[in-house]
Amino acid sequence: MGCVATVPGLLVDETARRFRLLGDATRLRLLDALHEAGETTLSELADVAGTSSANACKHLALLEREGLVAKRRTGTSVRYRIADPTIVALCELVCDGLRRRYEELGRLGETLSAA
């Protein structure tokens, strides 16, 4: 377990909490929308993520409390953005690994069907 061994003992619980936070599809959709938009409103995020504004607000509040997302008031509206750029790198790393895995499985499936 090379990954866990590099996490200092005091940060293991915090690391697990961060992964649990990112283990929700709606939150990942919201982060993806924020990554694409840079900064946007709650209603725009909810539309892109395919959820209600109330649900998006609940998830954004969790992400904000953990320092992944920040908000800024402009007049009567609130605009959200990614506050922790390491999240983008982490998501890209995981997605790249999944793409490679699916490519390998696709090739394996082709090999098995040809046999």
Protein backbone atom coordinates (compact mmCIF):
# COMPACT_ATOMS: atom_id res chain seq x y z
CA MET A 1 0.00 0.00 0.00
CA GLY A 2 2.37 2.69 -1.21
CA CYS A 3 -0.25 5.45 -1.23
CA VAL A 4 -1.38 5.03 2.35
CA ALA A 5 2.19 4.62 3.58
CA THR A 6 3.02 8.10 2.28
CA VAL A 7 0.15 9.71 4.21
CA PRO A 8 1.33 10.84 7.66
CA GLY A 9 -0.57 9.04 10.41
CA LEU A 10 -2.30 12.19 11.59
CA LEU A 11 -3.70 12.84 8.12
CA VAL A 12 -5.14 9.39 7.42
CA ASP A 13 -8.56 10.23 8.86
CA GLU A 14 -8.64 13.59 7.07
CA THR A 15 -7.65 11.89 3.81
CA ALA A 16 -10.44 9.34 4.23
CA ARG A 17 -12.90 12.15 4.91
CA ARG A 18 -11.79 13.97 1.76
CA PHE A 19 -12.30 10.82 -0.33
CA ARG A 20 -15.76 10.30 1.22
CA LEU A 21 -16.63 13.88 0.30
CA LEU A 22 -15.59 13.19 -3.30
CA GLY A 23 -17.42 9.85 -3.32
CA ASP A 24 -20.74 11.43 -4.30
CA ALA A 25 -21.69 11.68 -7.98
CA THR A 26 -23.61 14.96 -7.55
CA ARG A 27 -20.64 16.63 -5.87
CA LEU A 28 -18.34 15.40 -8.64
CA ARG A 29 -20.74 16.79 -11.26
CA LEU A 30 -20.77 20.14 -9.45
CA LEU A 31 -16.97 20.22 -9.28
CA ASP A 32 -16.76 19.30 -12.97
CA ALA A 33 -19.18 22.11 -13.83
CA LEU A 34 -17.14 24.55 -11.76
CA HIS A 35 -13.96 23.39 -13.44
CA GLU A 36 -15.52 24.03 -16.86
CA ALA A 37 -17.13 27.37 -15.96
CA GLY A 38 -14.48 28.79 -13.68
CA GLU A 39 -17.06 30.64 -11.60
CA THR A 40 -20.83 30.40 -11.85
CA THR A 41 -24.13 30.69 -10.02
CA LEU A 42 -26.07 28.10 -8.08
CA SER A 43 -28.84 27.82 -10.67
CA GLU A 44 -26.35 27.33 -13.52
CA LEU A 45 -24.53 24.66 -11.50
CA ALA A 46 -27.77 22.88 -10.65
CA ASP A 47 -28.78 22.83 -14.32
CA VAL A 48 -25.45 21.43 -15.50
CA ALA A 49 -25.34 18.88 -12.68
CA GLY A 50 -28.92 17.80 -13.37
CA THR A 51 -30.20 18.44 -9.87
CA SER A 52 -32.38 20.91 -8.01
CA SER A 53 -31.02 24.18 -6.69
CA ALA A 54 -31.78 23.05 -3.14
CA ASN A 55 -29.81 19.82 -3.60
CA ALA A 56 -26.92 21.63 -5.29
CA CYS A 57 -26.88 24.18 -2.46
CA LYS A 58 -26.65 21.40 0.13
CA HIS A 59 -23.70 19.77 -1.67
CA LEU A 60 -21.95 23.08 -2.30
CA ALA A 61 -22.22 23.91 1.40
CA LEU A 62 -20.38 20.67 2.24
CA LEU A 63 -17.73 21.38 -0.38
CA GLU A 64 -17.34 24.93 0.92
CA ARG A 65 -17.08 23.82 4.54
CA GLU A 66 -14.20 21.50 3.59
CA GLY A 67 -12.42 24.25 1.62
CA LEU A 68 -12.89 22.77 -1.85
CA VAL A 69 -15.29 25.46 -3.06
CA ALA A 70 -15.55 29.17 -2.32
CA LYS A 71 -18.36 31.61 -2.97
CA ARG A 72 -18.44 35.31 -3.74
CA ARG A 73 -21.40 37.65 -3.51
CA THR A 74 -22.06 40.00 -6.40
CA GLY A 75 -25.11 42.10 -5.65
CA THR A 76 -27.94 39.68 -4.95
CA SER A 77 -26.32 36.63 -6.53
CA VAL A 78 -23.67 34.25 -5.27
CA ARG A 79 -20.98 32.86 -7.55
CA TYR A 80 -19.10 29.65 -6.79
CA ARG A 81 -15.61 28.57 -7.81
CA ILE A 82 -13.13 25.83 -6.98
CA ALA A 83 -10.97 26.97 -4.07
CA ASP A 84 -8.60 23.99 -3.88
CA PRO A 85 -6.84 23.42 -7.24
CA THR A 86 -5.50 20.06 -6.07
CA ILE A 87 -9.01 18.66 -6.50
CA VAL A 88 -8.85 19.20 -10.26
CA ALA A 89 -5.51 17.36 -10.45
CA LEU A 90 -6.86 14.53 -8.30
CA CYS A 91 -10.00 14.12 -10.42
CA GLU A 92 -7.94 14.16 -13.63
CA LEU A 93 -5.63 11.52 -12.20
CA VAL A 94 -8.53 9.25 -11.25
CA CYS A 95 -10.28 9.77 -14.60
CA ASP A 96 -7.08 9.01 -16.52
CA GLY A 97 -6.70 5.78 -14.55
CA LEU A 98 -10.31 4.83 -15.30
CA ARG A 99 -9.87 5.58 -19.01
CA ARG A 100 -6.82 3.30 -19.14
CA ARG A 101 -8.70 0.61 -17.25
CA TYR A 102 -11.67 0.74 -19.63
CA GLU A 103 -9.36 0.68 -22.64
CA GLU A 104 -7.65 -2.42 -21.23
CA LEU A 105 -11.01 -4.06 -20.51
CA GLY A 106 -12.17 -3.18 -24.02
CA ARG A 107 -9.11 -4.84 -25.50
CA LEU A 108 -9.54 -7.83 -23.21
CA GLY A 109 -13.20 -8.12 -24.29
CA GLU A 110 -12.16 -8.01 -27.97
CA THR A 111 -9.55 -10.72 -27.37
CA LEU A 112 -12.04 -12.95 -25.54
CA SER A 113 -14.75 -12.52 -28.20
CA ALA A 114 -12.25 -13.36 -30.97
CA ALA A 115 -11.31 -16.64 -29.25
